[in-house]
C-alpha cells in the first residue's frame, strides 16, 4: 500500500510514498544564480526534518560540484513538513527533491 501526501495551499502535486516509517530523500540544488542561499534554506528544512546528522556532507563545495544529497526521514509527517518548508524553491525550479524515488513536481500553471 502507498500513502498519498497532499500539500494544501501550495503549488505542488500530491505525492505517493510507501507506507513505512523510514523515507529516503534526495535533494539536488540546481540554482545557478544563488546556490549558497538555496543551500542554506534547504539546510534549515533538512535539519528540522531529520536532525543535524542528516547534514553531513551537504556543503557549498558539494553543491558547486553538482552532487545530490541523500538522507533519511523517520516519519511521513516530517517528510510533509520538509517539503512544505521548501515548496517555494521546488516550484521555482531551484531544487529537485525525490522522496522514495518519486520526484516532487509543481502543478502546471493555468492561464485564463
Protein backbone atom coordinates (compact mmCIF):
# COMPACT_ATOMS: atom_id res chain seq x y z
CA UNK A 1 0.00 0.00 0.00
CA UNK A 2 1.05 3.58 -0.52
CA UNK A 3 0.30 6.82 1.24
CA UNK A 4 -0.62 9.98 -0.59
CA UNK A 5 0.88 13.16 0.80
CA UNK A 6 -1.18 16.22 -0.11
CA UNK A 7 0.20 19.74 0.20
CA UNK A 8 -2.72 22.10 0.79
CA UNK A 9 -2.23 25.78 -0.01
CA UNK A 10 0.90 25.11 -2.09
CA UNK A 11 1.65 24.75 -5.77
CA UNK A 12 2.81 21.12 -5.52
CA UNK A 13 1.14 17.98 -6.80
CA UNK A 14 0.09 15.31 -4.30
CA UNK A 15 2.82 12.70 -3.87
CA UNK A 16 2.56 8.93 -3.44
CA UNK A 17 5.09 7.44 -0.99
CA UNK A 18 5.40 3.99 0.58
CA UNK A 19 3.57 3.49 3.83
CA UNK A 20 6.54 2.78 6.04
CA UNK A 21 8.29 4.64 8.78
CA UNK A 22 11.60 5.35 7.02
CA UNK A 23 11.65 7.51 3.88
CA UNK A 24 14.67 8.19 1.70
CA UNK A 25 15.03 11.75 0.41
CA UNK A 26 17.33 13.01 -2.34
CA UNK A 27 17.91 16.77 -2.75
CA UNK A 28 19.76 18.42 -5.62
CA UNK A 29 20.40 22.17 -5.76
CA UNK A 30 20.12 23.37 -9.37
CA UNK A 31 20.01 27.11 -8.68
CA UNK A 32 22.60 28.83 -10.88
CA UNK A 33 22.19 32.36 -9.53
CA UNK A 34 22.33 31.83 -5.75
CA UNK A 35 23.30 28.26 -4.90
CA UNK A 36 24.63 29.21 -1.45
CA UNK A 37 21.40 30.87 -0.37
CA UNK A 38 19.33 28.00 -1.72
CA UNK A 39 21.52 25.51 0.14
CA UNK A 40 21.07 27.47 3.36
CA UNK A 41 17.29 27.45 3.03
CA UNK A 42 17.29 23.76 2.18
CA UNK A 43 19.69 23.00 5.04
CA UNK A 44 17.31 24.61 7.51
CA UNK A 45 14.45 22.40 6.31
CA UNK A 46 16.64 19.27 6.40
CA UNK A 47 17.73 19.81 9.99
CA UNK A 48 14.11 20.42 11.04
CA UNK A 49 13.02 17.15 9.42
CA UNK A 50 15.93 14.81 10.08
CA UNK A 51 18.32 16.45 12.62
CA UNK A 52 21.87 17.71 12.25
CA UNK A 53 23.23 14.26 11.37
CA UNK A 54 21.41 14.43 8.02
CA UNK A 55 23.52 17.46 7.04
CA UNK A 56 26.80 15.54 6.89
CA UNK A 57 28.39 16.19 3.50
CA UNK A 58 25.90 18.88 2.45
CA UNK A 59 28.37 21.71 1.89
CA UNK A 60 28.80 24.59 -0.54
CA UNK A 61 31.61 22.67 -2.24
CA UNK A 62 29.45 19.59 -2.84
CA UNK A 63 26.65 21.75 -4.23
CA UNK A 64 29.12 23.52 -6.54
CA UNK A 65 30.23 20.12 -7.88
CA UNK A 66 26.60 19.26 -8.65
CA UNK A 67 26.28 16.44 -6.15
CA UNK A 68 22.91 15.37 -4.85
CA UNK A 69 22.44 15.00 -1.09
CA UNK A 70 20.70 11.95 0.37
CA UNK A 71 19.26 11.43 3.83
CA UNK A 72 16.51 9.52 5.61
CA UNK A 73 13.45 10.84 7.40
CA UNK A 74 11.78 8.75 10.07
CA UNK A 75 8.14 9.80 9.70
CA UNK A 76 5.74 10.74 6.93
CA UNK A 77 4.65 13.82 8.87
CA UNK A 78 8.24 15.09 8.88
CA UNK A 79 8.53 14.49 5.12
CA UNK A 80 5.39 16.56 4.59
CA UNK A 81 6.81 19.35 6.74
CA UNK A 82 10.16 19.25 4.91
CA UNK A 83 8.51 19.62 1.51
CA UNK A 84 6.16 22.33 2.77
CA UNK A 85 9.13 24.37 4.03
CA UNK A 86 10.92 24.31 0.67
CA UNK A 87 7.85 24.27 -1.56
CA UNK A 88 8.66 27.72 -2.96
CA UNK A 89 12.14 26.53 -4.01
CA UNK A 90 10.67 23.45 -5.68
CA UNK A 91 8.02 25.47 -7.52
CA UNK A 92 10.66 27.97 -8.69
CA UNK A 93 12.81 25.11 -10.05
CA UNK A 94 15.80 25.84 -7.81
CA UNK A 95 15.70 22.48 -6.01
CA UNK A 96 14.92 18.95 -7.21
CA UNK A 97 13.55 16.68 -4.50
CA UNK A 98 12.91 12.93 -4.71
CA UNK A 99 11.09 11.09 -1.96
CA UNK A 100 11.22 7.29 -2.08
CA UNK A 101 12.23 7.54 -5.75
CA UNK A 102 9.35 9.82 -6.75
CA UNK A 103 10.12 13.36 -7.88
CA UNK A 104 8.15 16.17 -6.23
CA UNK A 105 6.66 18.29 -9.01
CA UNK A 106 4.91 21.63 -9.18
CA UNK A 107 1.38 21.96 -10.51
CA UNK A 108 1.00 23.28 -14.02
CA UNK A 109 0.03 26.93 -14.00
CA UNK A 110 -3.27 27.74 -15.60
CA UNK A 111 -3.70 30.79 -17.75
CA UNK A 112 -7.04 32.49 -18.21
